[in-house]
Amino acid sequence: MITLSELLGAEVRSARGDVLGRVRDVHVRQAANGAWEVDRLMLGRAGLAVRLGMPTSKSATEEDSLAWTDVRHIEDGVVTAAE
């Protein structure tokens, strides 16, 4: 199991090792069975602005986030995404 505190601030890298950003917020959703599950990791400045409830010149988009289904590995403060 991973905790939210392990995700916040973690560096996000592509499978090739390119740095994509840092996790600034975590979006969750309620599943059909009533359980809460992680939906997306919000990255970078836009993700931080969303977390803080600040208005931004653009809304956070998929470019500013990583779908949880695209996370392949989490270890030592690094989240590795799928290709």
PDB file of N, CA and C in Angstrom:
ATOM      1  N   MET A   1       0.835  -1.163   0.000  1.00  0.00           N
ATOM      2  CA  MET A   1       0.000   0.000   0.000  1.00  0.00           C
ATOM      3  C   MET A   1       0.887   1.236   0.000  1.00  0.00           C
ATOM      4  N   ILE A   2       0.417   2.278  -0.673  1.00  0.00           N
ATOM      5  CA  ILE A   2       1.134   3.546  -0.712  1.00  0.00           C
ATOM      6  C   ILE A   2       0.262   4.618  -0.056  1.00  0.00           C
ATOM      7  N   THR A   3       0.908   5.558   0.613  1.00  0.00           N
ATOM      8  CA  THR A   3       0.166   6.628   1.271  1.00  0.00           C
ATOM      9  C   THR A   3       0.199   7.895   0.422  1.00  0.00           C
ATOM     10  N   LEU A   4      -0.747   8.758   0.686  1.00  0.00           N
ATOM     11  CA  LEU A   4      -0.813  10.023  -0.030  1.00  0.00           C
ATOM     12  C   LEU A   4       0.450  10.846   0.189  1.00  0.00           C
ATOM     13  N   SER A   5       0.991  10.798   1.386  1.00  0.00           N
ATOM     14  CA  SER A   5       2.201  11.574   1.668  1.00  0.00           C
ATOM     15  C   SER A   5       3.400  11.084   0.860  1.00  0.00           C
ATOM     16  N   GLU A   6       3.384   9.833   0.442  1.00  0.00           N
ATOM     17  CA  GLU A   6       4.457   9.316  -0.414  1.00  0.00           C
ATOM     18  C   GLU A   6       4.325   9.818  -1.845  1.00  0.00           C
ATOM     19  N   LEU A   7       3.101  10.111  -2.265  1.00  0.00           N
ATOM     20  CA  LEU A   7       2.866  10.581  -3.630  1.00  0.00           C
ATOM     21  C   LEU A   7       3.125  12.075  -3.783  1.00  0.00           C
ATOM     22  N   LEU A   8       2.663  12.876  -2.823  1.00  0.00           N
ATOM     23  CA  LEU A   8       2.808  14.323  -2.937  1.00  0.00           C
ATOM     24  C   LEU A   8       4.287  14.707  -2.955  1.00  0.00           C
ATOM     25  N   GLY A   9       4.670  15.433  -3.981  1.00  0.00           N
ATOM     26  CA  GLY A   9       6.052  15.865  -4.142  1.00  0.00           C
ATOM     27  C   GLY A   9       6.937  14.876  -4.883  1.00  0.00           C
ATOM     28  N   ALA A  10       6.422  13.680  -5.165  1.00  0.00           N
ATOM     29  CA  ALA A  10       7.223  12.673  -5.867  1.00  0.00           C
ATOM     30  C   ALA A  10       7.522  13.137  -7.291  1.00  0.00           C
ATOM     31  N   GLU A  11       8.705  12.820  -7.771  1.00  0.00           N
ATOM     32  CA  GLU A  11       9.080  13.113  -9.145  1.00  0.00           C
ATOM     33  C   GLU A  11       8.403  12.098 -10.057  1.00  0.00           C
ATOM     34  N   VAL A  12       7.904  12.565 -11.197  1.00  0.00           N
ATOM     35  CA  VAL A  12       7.258  11.684 -12.166  1.00  0.00           C
ATOM     36  C   VAL A  12       8.150  11.612 -13.402  1.00  0.00           C
ATOM     37  N   ARG A  13       8.455  10.389 -13.811  1.00  0.00           N
ATOM     38  CA  ARG A  13       9.307  10.160 -14.986  1.00  0.00           C
ATOM     39  C   ARG A  13       8.607   9.250 -15.978  1.00  0.00           C
ATOM     40  N   SER A  14       8.959   9.441 -17.239  1.00  0.00           N
ATOM     41  CA  SER A  14       8.459   8.532 -18.273  1.00  0.00           C
ATOM     42  C   SER A  14       9.221   7.217 -18.150  1.00  0.00           C
ATOM     43  N   ALA A  15       8.777   6.217 -18.870  1.00  0.00           N
ATOM     44  CA  ALA A  15       9.464   4.926 -18.853  1.00  0.00           C
ATOM     45  C   ALA A  15      10.897   5.057 -19.362  1.00  0.00           C
ATOM     46  N   ARG A  16      11.162   6.072 -20.192  1.00  0.00           N
ATOM     47  CA  ARG A  16      12.520   6.309 -20.707  1.00  0.00           C
ATOM     48  C   ARG A  16      13.382   7.121 -19.751  1.00  0.00           C
ATOM     49  N   GLY A  17      12.776   7.617 -18.670  1.00  0.00           N
ATOM     50  CA  GLY A  17      13.538   8.377 -17.687  1.00  0.00           C
ATOM     51  C   GLY A  17      13.405   9.877 -17.789  1.00  0.00           C
ATOM     52  N   ASP A  18      12.618  10.377 -18.745  1.00  0.00           N
ATOM     53  CA  ASP A  18      12.407  11.831 -18.875  1.00  0.00           C
ATOM     54  C   ASP A  18      11.573  12.330 -17.695  1.00  0.00           C
ATOM     55  N   VAL A  19      11.969  13.453 -17.121  1.00  0.00           N
ATOM     56  CA  VAL A  19      11.226  14.026 -15.998  1.00  0.00           C
ATOM     57  C   VAL A  19       9.984  14.733 -16.546  1.00  0.00           C
ATOM     58  N   LEU A  20       8.821  14.346 -16.030  1.00  0.00           N
ATOM     59  CA  LEU A  20       7.548  14.918 -16.464  1.00  0.00           C
ATOM     60  C   LEU A  20       7.037  15.978 -15.496  1.00  0.00           C
ATOM     61  N   GLY A  21       7.535  15.980 -14.280  1.00  0.00           N
ATOM     62  CA  GLY A  21       7.105  16.943 -13.273  1.00  0.00           C
ATOM     63  C   GLY A  21       7.082  16.312 -11.899  1.00  0.00           C
ATOM     64  N   ARG A  22       6.415  16.992 -10.983  1.00  0.00           N
ATOM     65  CA  ARG A  22       6.244  16.487  -9.621  1.00  0.00           C
ATOM     66  C   ARG A  22       4.760  16.414  -9.300  1.00  0.00           C
ATOM     67  N   VAL A  23       4.403  15.461  -8.463  1.00  0.00           N
ATOM     68  CA  VAL A  23       3.010  15.314  -8.045  1.00  0.00           C
ATOM     69  C   VAL A  23       2.682  16.450  -7.084  1.00  0.00           C
ATOM     70  N   ARG A  24       1.693  17.265  -7.443  1.00  0.00           N
ATOM     71  CA  ARG A  24       1.279  18.402  -6.613  1.00  0.00           C
ATOM     72  C   ARG A  24      -0.084  18.180  -5.977  1.00  0.00           C
ATOM     73  N   ASP A  25      -0.872  17.269  -6.554  1.00  0.00           N
ATOM     74  CA  ASP A  25      -2.191  16.971  -6.007  1.00  0.00           C
ATOM     75  C   ASP A  25      -2.608  15.597  -6.507  1.00  0.00           C
ATOM     76  N   VAL A  26      -3.553  14.997  -5.823  1.00  0.00           N
ATOM     77  CA  VAL A  26      -4.068  13.679  -6.203  1.00  0.00           C
ATOM     78  C   VAL A  26      -5.584  13.783  -6.282  1.00  0.00           C
ATOM     79  N   HIS A  27      -6.132  13.429  -7.432  1.00  0.00           N
ATOM     80  CA  HIS A  27      -7.589  13.419  -7.587  1.00  0.00           C
ATOM     81  C   HIS A  27      -8.095  12.005  -7.342  1.00  0.00           C
ATOM     82  N   VAL A  28      -9.172  11.925  -6.591  1.00  0.00           N
ATOM     83  CA  VAL A  28      -9.798  10.633  -6.317  1.00  0.00           C
ATOM     84  C   VAL A  28     -11.238  10.669  -6.810  1.00  0.00           C
ATOM     85  N   ARG A  29     -11.814   9.487  -6.986  1.00  0.00           N
ATOM     86  CA  ARG A  29     -13.221   9.394  -7.370  1.00  0.00           C
ATOM     87  C   ARG A  29     -13.834   8.225  -6.630  1.00  0.00           C
ATOM     88  N   GLN A  30     -15.129   8.241  -6.539  1.00  0.00           N
ATOM     89  CA  GLN A  30     -15.818   7.165  -5.864  1.00  0.00           C
ATOM     90  C   GLN A  30     -16.212   6.108  -6.886  1.00  0.00           C
ATOM     91  N   ALA A  31     -15.805   4.886  -6.632  1.00  0.00           N
ATOM     92  CA  ALA A  31     -16.109   3.766  -7.521  1.00  0.00           C
ATOM     93  C   ALA A  31     -17.555   3.325  -7.311  1.00  0.00           C
ATOM     94  N   ALA A  32     -18.027   2.481  -8.208  1.00  0.00           N
ATOM     95  CA  ALA A  32     -19.402   1.984  -8.144  1.00  0.00           C
ATOM     96  C   ALA A  32     -19.695   1.273  -6.821  1.00  0.00           C
ATOM     97  N   ASN A  33     -18.672   0.634  -6.247  1.00  0.00           N
ATOM     98  CA  ASN A  33     -18.873  -0.092  -4.982  1.00  0.00           C
ATOM     99  C   ASN A  33     -18.807   0.821  -3.759  1.00  0.00           C
ATOM    100  N   GLY A  34     -18.627   2.128  -3.995  1.00  0.00           N
ATOM    101  CA  GLY A  34     -18.597   3.090  -2.901  1.00  0.00           C
ATOM    102  C   GLY A  34     -17.203   3.394  -2.377  1.00  0.00           C
ATOM    103  N   ALA A  35     -16.215   2.611  -2.780  1.00  0.00           N
ATOM    104  CA  ALA A  35     -14.837   2.841  -2.332  1.00  0.00           C
ATOM    105  C   ALA A  35     -14.239   4.032  -3.079  1.00  0.00           C
ATOM    106  N   TRP A  36     -13.317   4.719  -2.439  1.00  0.00           N
ATOM    107  CA  TRP A  36     -12.606   5.824  -3.079  1.00  0.00           C
ATOM    108  C   TRP A  36     -11.328   5.283  -3.701  1.00  0.00           C
ATOM    109  N   GLU A  37     -11.016   5.761  -4.916  1.00  0.00           N
ATOM    110  CA  GLU A  37      -9.803   5.311  -5.597  1.00  0.00           C
ATOM    111  C   GLU A  37      -9.132   6.483  -6.302  1.00  0.00           C
ATOM    112  N   VAL A  38      -7.818   6.385  -6.436  1.00  0.00           N
ATOM    113  CA  VAL A  38      -7.056   7.432  -7.114  1.00  0.00           C
ATOM    114  C   VAL A  38      -7.436   7.426  -8.588  1.00  0.00           C
ATOM    115  N   ASP A  39      -7.678   8.625  -9.130  1.00  0.00           N
ATOM    116  CA  ASP A  39      -8.025   8.780 -10.539  1.00  0.00           C
ATOM    117  C   ASP A  39      -6.860   9.366 -11.332  1.00  0.00           C
ATOM    118  N   ARG A  40      -6.277  10.478 -10.832  1.00  0.00           N
ATOM    119  CA  ARG A  40      -5.197  11.158 -11.551  1.00  0.00           C
ATOM    120  C   ARG A  40      -4.211  11.771 -10.567  1.00  0.00           C
ATOM    121  N   LEU A  41      -2.980  11.884 -11.015  1.00  0.00           N
ATOM    122  CA  LEU A  41      -1.947  12.632 -10.302  1.00  0.00           C
ATOM    123  C   LEU A  41      -1.799  13.959 -11.029  1.00  0.00           C
ATOM    124  N   MET A  42      -1.946  15.059 -10.313  1.00  0.00           N
ATOM    125  CA  MET A  42      -1.819  16.386 -10.908  1.00  0.00           C
ATOM    126  C   MET A  42      -0.368  16.839 -10.773  1.00  0.00           C
ATOM    127  N   LEU A  43       0.192  17.329 -11.872  1.00  0.00           N
ATOM    128  CA  LEU A  43       1.614  17.655 -11.931  1.00  0.00           C
ATOM    129  C   LEU A  43       1.856  19.147 -12.111  1.00  0.00           C
ATOM    130  N   GLY A  44       3.027  19.581 -11.698  1.00  0.00           N
ATOM    131  CA  GLY A  44       3.520  20.917 -11.994  1.00  0.00           C
ATOM    132  C   GLY A  44       2.729  22.057 -11.384  1.00  0.00           C
ATOM    133  N   ARG A  45       2.942  23.249 -11.981  1.00  0.00           N
ATOM    134  CA  ARG A  45       2.329  24.467 -11.453  1.00  0.00           C
ATOM    135  C   ARG A  45       0.810  24.422 -11.517  1.00  0.00           C
ATOM    136  N   ALA A  46       0.275  23.915 -12.619  1.00  0.00           N
ATOM    137  CA  ALA A  46      -1.185  23.845 -12.741  1.00  0.00           C
ATOM    138  C   ALA A  46      -1.760  22.925 -11.670  1.00  0.00           C
ATOM    139  N   GLY A  47      -1.083  21.822 -11.407  1.00  0.00           N
ATOM    140  CA  GLY A  47      -1.529  20.903 -10.365  1.00  0.00           C
ATOM    141  C   GLY A  47      -1.483  21.537  -8.994  1.00  0.00           C
ATOM    142  N   LEU A  48      -0.447  22.337  -8.740  1.00  0.00           N
ATOM    143  CA  LEU A  48      -0.332  23.036  -7.460  1.00  0.00           C
ATOM    144  C   LEU A  48      -1.426  24.087  -7.327  1.00  0.00           C
ATOM    145  N   ALA A  49      -1.693  24.803  -8.403  1.00  0.00           N
ATOM    146  CA  ALA A  49      -2.751  25.821  -8.371  1.00  0.00           C
ATOM    147  C   ALA A  49      -4.104  25.181  -8.078  1.00  0.00           C
ATOM    148  N   VAL A  50      -4.365  24.029  -8.686  1.00  0.00           N
ATOM    149  CA  VAL A  50      -5.616  23.315  -8.427  1.00  0.00           C
ATOM    150  C   VAL A  50      -5.682  22.930  -6.955  1.00  0.00           C
ATOM    151  N   ARG A  51      -4.593  22.416  -6.432  1.00  0.00           N
ATOM    152  CA  ARG A  51      -4.549  21.995  -5.029  1.00  0.00           C
ATOM    153  C   ARG A  51      -4.851  23.149  -4.080  1.00  0.00           C
ATOM    154  N   LEU A  52      -4.308  24.320  -4.401  1.00  0.00           N
ATOM    155  CA  LEU A  52      -4.473  25.475  -3.533  1.00  0.00           C
ATOM    156  C   LEU A  52      -5.761  26.245  -3.811  1.00  0.00           C
ATOM    157  N   GLY A  53      -6.505  25.826  -4.833  1.00  0.00           N
ATOM    158  CA  GLY A  53      -7.750  26.505  -5.171  1.00  0.00           C
ATOM    159  C   GLY A  53      -7.539  27.863  -5.798  1.00  0.00           C
ATOM    160  N   MET A  54      -6.385  28.044  -6.435  1.00  0.00           N
ATOM    161  CA  MET A  54      -6.054  29.325  -7.048  1.00  0.00           C
ATOM    162  C   MET A  54      -6.536  29.365  -8.494  1.00  0.00           C
ATOM    163  N   PRO A  55      -6.994  30.535  -8.937  1.00  0.00           N
ATOM    164  CA  PRO A  55      -7.359  30.653 -10.353  1.00  0.00           C
ATOM    165  C   PRO A  55      -6.096  30.630 -11.203  1.00  0.00           C
ATOM    166  N   THR A  56      -6.200  30.047 -12.379  1.00  0.00           N
ATOM    167  CA  THR A  56      -5.065  30.000 -13.299  1.00  0.00           C
ATOM    168  C   THR A  56      -5.502  30.548 -14.645  1.00  0.00           C
ATOM    169  N   SER A  57      -4.529  30.915 -15.464  1.00  0.00           N
ATOM    170  CA  SER A  57      -4.853  31.429 -16.788  1.00  0.00           C
ATOM    171  C   SER A  57      -5.376  30.319 -17.690  1.00  0.00           C
ATOM    172  N   LYS A  58      -5.090  29.084 -17.325  1.00  0.00           N
ATOM    173  CA  LYS A  58      -5.638  27.943 -18.066  1.00  0.00           C
ATOM    174  C   LYS A  58      -6.042  26.893 -17.048  1.00  0.00           C
ATOM    175  N   SER A  59      -6.984  26.079 -17.425  1.00  0.00           N
ATOM    176  CA  SER A  59      -7.395  25.020 -16.503  1.00  0.00           C
ATOM    177  C   SER A  59      -6.420  23.860 -16.613  1.00  0.00           C
ATOM    178  N   ALA A  60      -6.313  23.094 -15.559  1.00  0.00           N
ATOM    179  CA  ALA A  60      -5.453  21.911 -15.574  1.00  0.00           C
ATOM    180  C   ALA A  60      -6.009  20.934 -16.608  1.00  0.00           C
ATOM    181  N   THR A  61      -5.122  20.397 -17.411  1.00  0.00           N
ATOM    182  CA  THR A  61      -5.529  19.497 -18.484  1.00  0.00           C
ATOM    183  C   THR A  61      -4.838  18.157 -18.318  1.00  0.00           C
ATOM    184  N   GLU A  62      -5.074  17.278 -19.262  1.00  0.00           N
ATOM    185  CA  GLU A  62      -4.396  15.984 -19.225  1.00  0.00           C
ATOM    186  C   GLU A  62      -2.885  16.147 -19.347  1.00  0.00           C
ATOM    187  N   GLU A  63      -2.429  17.236 -19.970  1.00  0.00           N
ATOM    188  CA  GLU A  63      -0.989  17.496 -20.058  1.00  0.00           C
ATOM    189  C   GLU A  63      -0.390  17.736 -18.680  1.00  0.00           C
ATOM    190  N   ASP A  64      -1.213  18.223 -17.771  1.00  0.00           N
ATOM    191  CA  ASP A  64      -0.766  18.558 -16.423  1.00  0.00           C
ATOM    192  C   ASP A  64      -1.036  17.432 -15.435  1.00  0.00           C
ATOM    193  N   SER A  65      -1.407  16.274 -15.950  1.00  0.00           N
ATOM    194  CA  SER A  65      -1.757  15.182 -15.047  1.00  0.00           C
ATOM    195  C   SER A  65      -1.360  13.836 -15.645  1.00  0.00           C
ATOM    196  N   LEU A  66      -1.409  12.844 -14.783  1.00  0.00           N
ATOM    197  CA  LEU A  66      -1.106  11.480 -15.185  1.00  0.00           C
ATOM    198  C   LEU A  66      -2.216  10.590 -14.660  1.00  0.00           C
ATOM    199  N   ALA A  67      -2.865   9.870 -15.564  1.00  0.00           N
ATOM    200  CA  ALA A  67      -3.919   8.950 -15.137  1.00  0.00           C
ATOM    201  C   ALA A  67      -3.307   7.861 -14.264  1.00  0.00           C
ATOM    202  N   TRP A  68      -4.000   7.498 -13.205  1.00  0.00           N
ATOM    203  CA  TRP A  68      -3.503   6.464 -12.302  1.00  0.00           C
ATOM    204  C   TRP A  68      -3.257   5.158 -13.046  1.00  0.00           C
ATOM    205  N   THR A  69      -4.055   4.878 -14.059  1.00  0.00           N
ATOM    206  CA  THR A  69      -3.885   3.648 -14.842  1.00  0.00           C
ATOM    207  C   THR A  69      -2.580   3.650 -15.640  1.00  0.00           C
ATOM    208  N   ASP A  70      -1.956   4.842 -15.791  1.00  0.00           N
ATOM    209  CA  ASP A  70      -0.681   4.938 -16.513  1.00  0.00           C
ATOM    210  C   ASP A  70       0.531   4.854 -15.584  1.00  0.00           C
ATOM    211  N   VAL A  71       0.300   4.720 -14.284  1.00  0.00           N
ATOM    212  CA  VAL A  71       1.411   4.570 -13.334  1.00  0.00           C
ATOM    213  C   VAL A  71       1.872   3.123 -13.371  1.00  0.00           C
ATOM    214  N   ARG A  72       3.166   2.930 -13.583  1.00  0.00           N
ATOM    215  CA  ARG A  72       3.722   1.580 -13.659  1.00  0.00           C
ATOM    216  C   ARG A  72       4.502   1.172 -12.421  1.00  0.00           C
ATOM    217  N   HIS A  73       5.139   2.157 -11.755  1.00  0.00           N
ATOM    218  CA  HIS A  73       6.012   1.803 -10.636  1.00  0.00           C
ATOM    219  C   HIS A  73       6.165   3.021  -9.731  1.00  0.00           C
ATOM    220  N   ILE A  74       6.225   2.784  -8.431  1.00  0.00           N
ATOM    221  CA  ILE A  74       6.470   3.849  -7.458  1.00  0.00           C
ATOM    222  C   ILE A  74       7.517   3.334  -6.485  1.00  0.00           C
ATOM    223  N   GLU A  75       8.636   4.065  -6.412  1.00  0.00           N
ATOM    224  CA  GLU A  75       9.697   3.652  -5.495  1.00  0.00           C
ATOM    225  C   GLU A  75      10.620   4.821  -5.192  1.00  0.00           C
ATOM    226  N   ASP A  76      10.978   4.975  -3.935  1.00  0.00           N
ATOM    227  CA  ASP A  76      11.943   5.985  -3.482  1.00  0.00           C
ATOM    228  C   ASP A  76      11.629   7.380  -3.997  1.00  0.00           C
ATOM    229  N   GLY A  77      10.357   7.792  -3.909  1.00  0.00           N
ATOM    230  CA  GLY A  77       9.980   9.141  -4.307  1.00  0.00           C
ATOM    231  C   GLY A  77       9.916   9.389  -5.786  1.00  0.00           C
ATOM    232  N   VAL A  78       9.898   8.324  -6.574  1.00  0.00           N
ATOM    233  CA  VAL A  78       9.815   8.443  -8.034  1.00  0.00           C
ATOM    234  C   VAL A  78       8.631   7.614  -8.543  1.00  0.00           C
ATOM    235  N   VAL A  79       7.779   8.259  -9.326  1.00  0.00           N
ATOM    236  CA  VAL A  79       6.663   7.586  -9.975  1.00  0.00           C
ATOM    237  C   VAL A  79       7.054   7.392 -11.433  1.00  0.00           C
ATOM    238  N   THR A  80       6.976   6.166 -11.916  1.00  0.00           N
ATOM    239  CA  THR A  80       7.308   5.879 -13.314  1.00  0.00           C
ATOM    240  C   THR A  80       6.027   5.632 -14.088  1.00  0.00           C
ATOM    241  N   ALA A  81       5.888   6.367 -15.203  1.00  0.00           N
ATOM    242  CA  ALA A  81       4.710   6.255 -16.049  1.00  0.00           C
ATOM    243  C   ALA A  81       4.947   5.283 -17.197  1.00  0.00           C
ATOM    244  N   ALA A  82       3.859   4.825 -17.755  1.00  0.00           N
ATOM    245  CA  ALA A  82       3.928   3.955 -18.945  1.00  0.00           C
ATOM    246  C   ALA A  82       4.374   4.790 -20.141  1.00  0.00           C
ATOM    247  N   GLU A  83       4.808   4.152 -21.186  1.00  0.00           N
ATOM    248  CA  GLU A  83       5.197   4.841 -22.429  1.00  0.00           C
ATOM    249  C   GLU A  83       4.055   5.601 -23.009  1.00  0.00           C
TER     250      GLU A  83
END
